[in-house]
């Protein structure tokens, strides 16, 4: 192997490590006593919005899409669990209770709560998309 190939491989490895470390999210496991009622609310909303378990799987895999049934589920689960107002805007202090490093998350949550839309469902969806795009953490309810 030539010296140039070795140097190229080293530089490429360093770049990959830097890129992957920036895109990796810290997983924050929600305690079972907090997660259980949230999961019950989500199950209720799967039925109310006529969705299937697939909607929960998409959330777990962070594969959000903009179809109306998915948006309706997010809105229902967010409001039912007391994390959002019926207007579609977040209740920041309530959401902060889910995170161990509240100060770091507060500005992210506040910045994401400026969405506008044609409906409360759209506003709520925009918040969730913003959170997924900008948050350094991923909440795990398992």
Protein backbone atom coordinates (compact mmCIF):
# COMPACT_ATOMS: atom_id res chain seq x y z
CA UNK A 1 0.00 0.00 0.00
CA UNK A 2 1.42 3.37 -0.96
CA UNK A 3 2.00 6.16 1.53
CA UNK A 4 -0.71 8.27 -0.15
CA UNK A 5 -3.31 5.52 0.31
CA UNK A 6 -2.39 5.16 3.98
CA UNK A 7 -2.66 8.92 4.55
CA UNK A 8 -5.96 9.03 2.64
CA UNK A 9 -7.35 6.15 4.72
CA UNK A 10 -6.32 7.89 7.96
CA UNK A 11 -7.85 11.22 6.94
CA UNK A 12 -11.05 9.52 5.79
CA UNK A 13 -11.28 7.66 9.11
CA UNK A 14 -10.89 10.87 11.11
CA UNK A 15 -13.58 12.59 9.04
CA UNK A 16 -15.98 9.66 9.48
CA UNK A 17 -15.44 9.62 13.23
CA UNK A 18 -16.11 13.37 13.47
CA UNK A 19 -19.25 13.16 11.33
CA UNK A 20 -20.65 10.14 13.16
CA UNK A 21 -19.97 11.65 16.58
CA UNK A 22 -21.88 14.80 15.61
CA UNK A 23 -24.87 12.87 14.30
CA UNK A 24 -25.04 10.38 17.17
CA UNK A 25 -27.69 11.17 19.73
CA UNK A 26 -27.46 10.35 23.38
CA UNK A 27 -30.22 7.97 24.45
CA UNK A 28 -32.13 9.09 27.53
CA UNK A 29 -34.15 6.25 29.01
CA UNK A 30 -37.39 7.49 30.54
CA UNK A 31 -37.94 5.75 33.91
CA UNK A 32 -40.63 3.01 33.80
CA UNK A 33 -42.89 4.81 36.28
CA UNK A 34 -42.92 7.83 33.94
CA UNK A 35 -42.96 5.86 30.67
CA UNK A 36 -45.87 3.57 31.56
CA UNK A 37 -48.65 6.20 31.62
CA UNK A 38 -47.18 7.85 28.50
CA UNK A 39 -47.26 4.52 26.64
CA UNK A 40 -50.87 3.98 27.76
CA UNK A 41 -51.76 7.40 26.37
CA UNK A 42 -50.05 6.52 23.11
CA UNK A 43 -51.94 3.21 22.88
CA UNK A 44 -55.21 5.09 23.41
CA UNK A 45 -54.27 7.51 20.62
CA UNK A 46 -53.41 4.68 18.22
CA UNK A 47 -57.04 3.57 18.56
CA UNK A 48 -58.56 7.08 18.55
CA UNK A 49 -56.71 8.10 15.38
CA UNK A 50 -57.36 4.74 13.68
CA UNK A 51 -53.66 4.06 13.32
CA UNK A 52 -51.83 0.77 13.75
CA UNK A 53 -48.82 -0.21 15.83
CA UNK A 54 -46.77 0.81 12.78
CA UNK A 55 -47.08 4.45 13.89
CA UNK A 56 -45.34 3.61 17.17
CA UNK A 57 -42.63 1.70 15.29
CA UNK A 58 -41.99 4.74 13.06
CA UNK A 59 -41.55 6.93 16.13
CA UNK A 60 -39.14 4.44 17.71
CA UNK A 61 -37.11 4.40 14.49
CA UNK A 62 -37.36 8.21 14.17
CA UNK A 63 -38.97 7.84 10.75
CA UNK A 64 -41.45 10.68 10.85
CA UNK A 65 -43.56 11.47 7.83
CA UNK A 66 -46.16 14.09 7.12
CA UNK A 67 -49.23 11.98 6.41
CA UNK A 68 -52.30 13.20 8.27
CA UNK A 69 -52.88 10.04 10.31
CA UNK A 70 -49.31 10.18 11.63
CA UNK A 71 -49.67 13.88 12.51
CA UNK A 72 -53.00 13.22 14.22
CA UNK A 73 -51.40 10.50 16.34
CA UNK A 74 -48.53 12.79 17.41
CA UNK A 75 -51.00 15.51 18.35
CA UNK A 76 -53.30 13.15 20.25
CA UNK A 77 -50.42 11.54 22.18
CA UNK A 78 -48.84 14.91 22.96
CA UNK A 79 -52.07 16.46 24.27
CA UNK A 80 -53.37 13.31 25.99
CA UNK A 81 -50.13 12.95 27.93
CA UNK A 82 -50.22 16.60 29.01
CA UNK A 83 -47.12 17.73 27.12
CA UNK A 84 -48.94 20.03 24.67
CA UNK A 85 -51.79 22.50 24.77
CA UNK A 86 -54.76 21.88 22.49
CA UNK A 87 -53.39 24.78 20.42
CA UNK A 88 -50.53 22.49 19.33
CA UNK A 89 -47.89 24.35 21.33
CA UNK A 90 -45.64 22.58 23.81
CA UNK A 91 -45.80 22.88 27.58
CA UNK A 92 -42.05 23.37 27.94
CA UNK A 93 -41.81 22.90 31.71
CA UNK A 94 -43.68 19.59 31.49
CA UNK A 95 -41.43 18.34 28.67
CA UNK A 96 -38.32 19.34 30.60
CA UNK A 97 -39.28 16.86 33.33
CA UNK A 98 -38.31 14.07 30.89
CA UNK A 99 -34.70 15.22 30.55
CA UNK A 100 -31.86 14.91 33.08
CA UNK A 101 -30.05 18.01 31.73
CA UNK A 102 -32.93 20.45 31.70
CA UNK A 103 -30.88 23.60 31.08
CA UNK A 104 -29.38 22.17 27.88
CA UNK A 105 -32.77 21.16 26.52
CA UNK A 106 -34.77 24.26 27.43
CA UNK A 107 -33.52 26.45 24.57
CA UNK A 108 -33.98 23.65 22.03
CA UNK A 109 -37.56 23.05 23.15
CA UNK A 110 -38.34 26.78 23.20
CA UNK A 111 -36.88 27.27 19.72
CA UNK A 112 -38.98 24.41 18.38
CA UNK A 113 -42.19 25.82 19.83
CA UNK A 114 -42.45 28.68 17.34
CA UNK A 115 -44.14 26.66 14.63
CA UNK A 116 -47.06 27.98 12.71
CA UNK A 117 -49.51 25.99 10.72
CA UNK A 118 -53.02 25.64 9.42
CA UNK A 119 -54.05 23.66 12.49
CA UNK A 120 -52.97 22.64 15.97
CA UNK A 121 -52.05 19.24 14.50
CA UNK A 122 -49.62 20.92 12.06
CA UNK A 123 -48.09 23.08 14.79
CA UNK A 124 -47.53 20.04 16.99
CA UNK A 125 -46.00 18.09 14.09
CA UNK A 126 -43.62 20.96 13.30
CA UNK A 127 -42.45 20.95 16.92
CA UNK A 128 -41.72 17.21 16.80
CA UNK A 129 -39.81 17.52 13.51
CA UNK A 130 -37.77 20.43 14.87
CA UNK A 131 -37.00 18.46 18.04
CA UNK A 132 -35.86 15.42 16.04
CA UNK A 133 -33.67 17.59 13.80
CA UNK A 134 -32.07 19.63 16.60
CA UNK A 135 -32.04 17.64 19.82
CA UNK A 136 -28.79 15.98 20.94
CA UNK A 137 -30.82 13.31 22.74
CA UNK A 138 -33.32 10.62 21.88
CA UNK A 139 -35.95 9.69 24.47
CA UNK A 140 -36.42 5.95 24.90
CA UNK A 141 -39.62 4.66 26.49
CA UNK A 142 -38.64 0.97 26.37
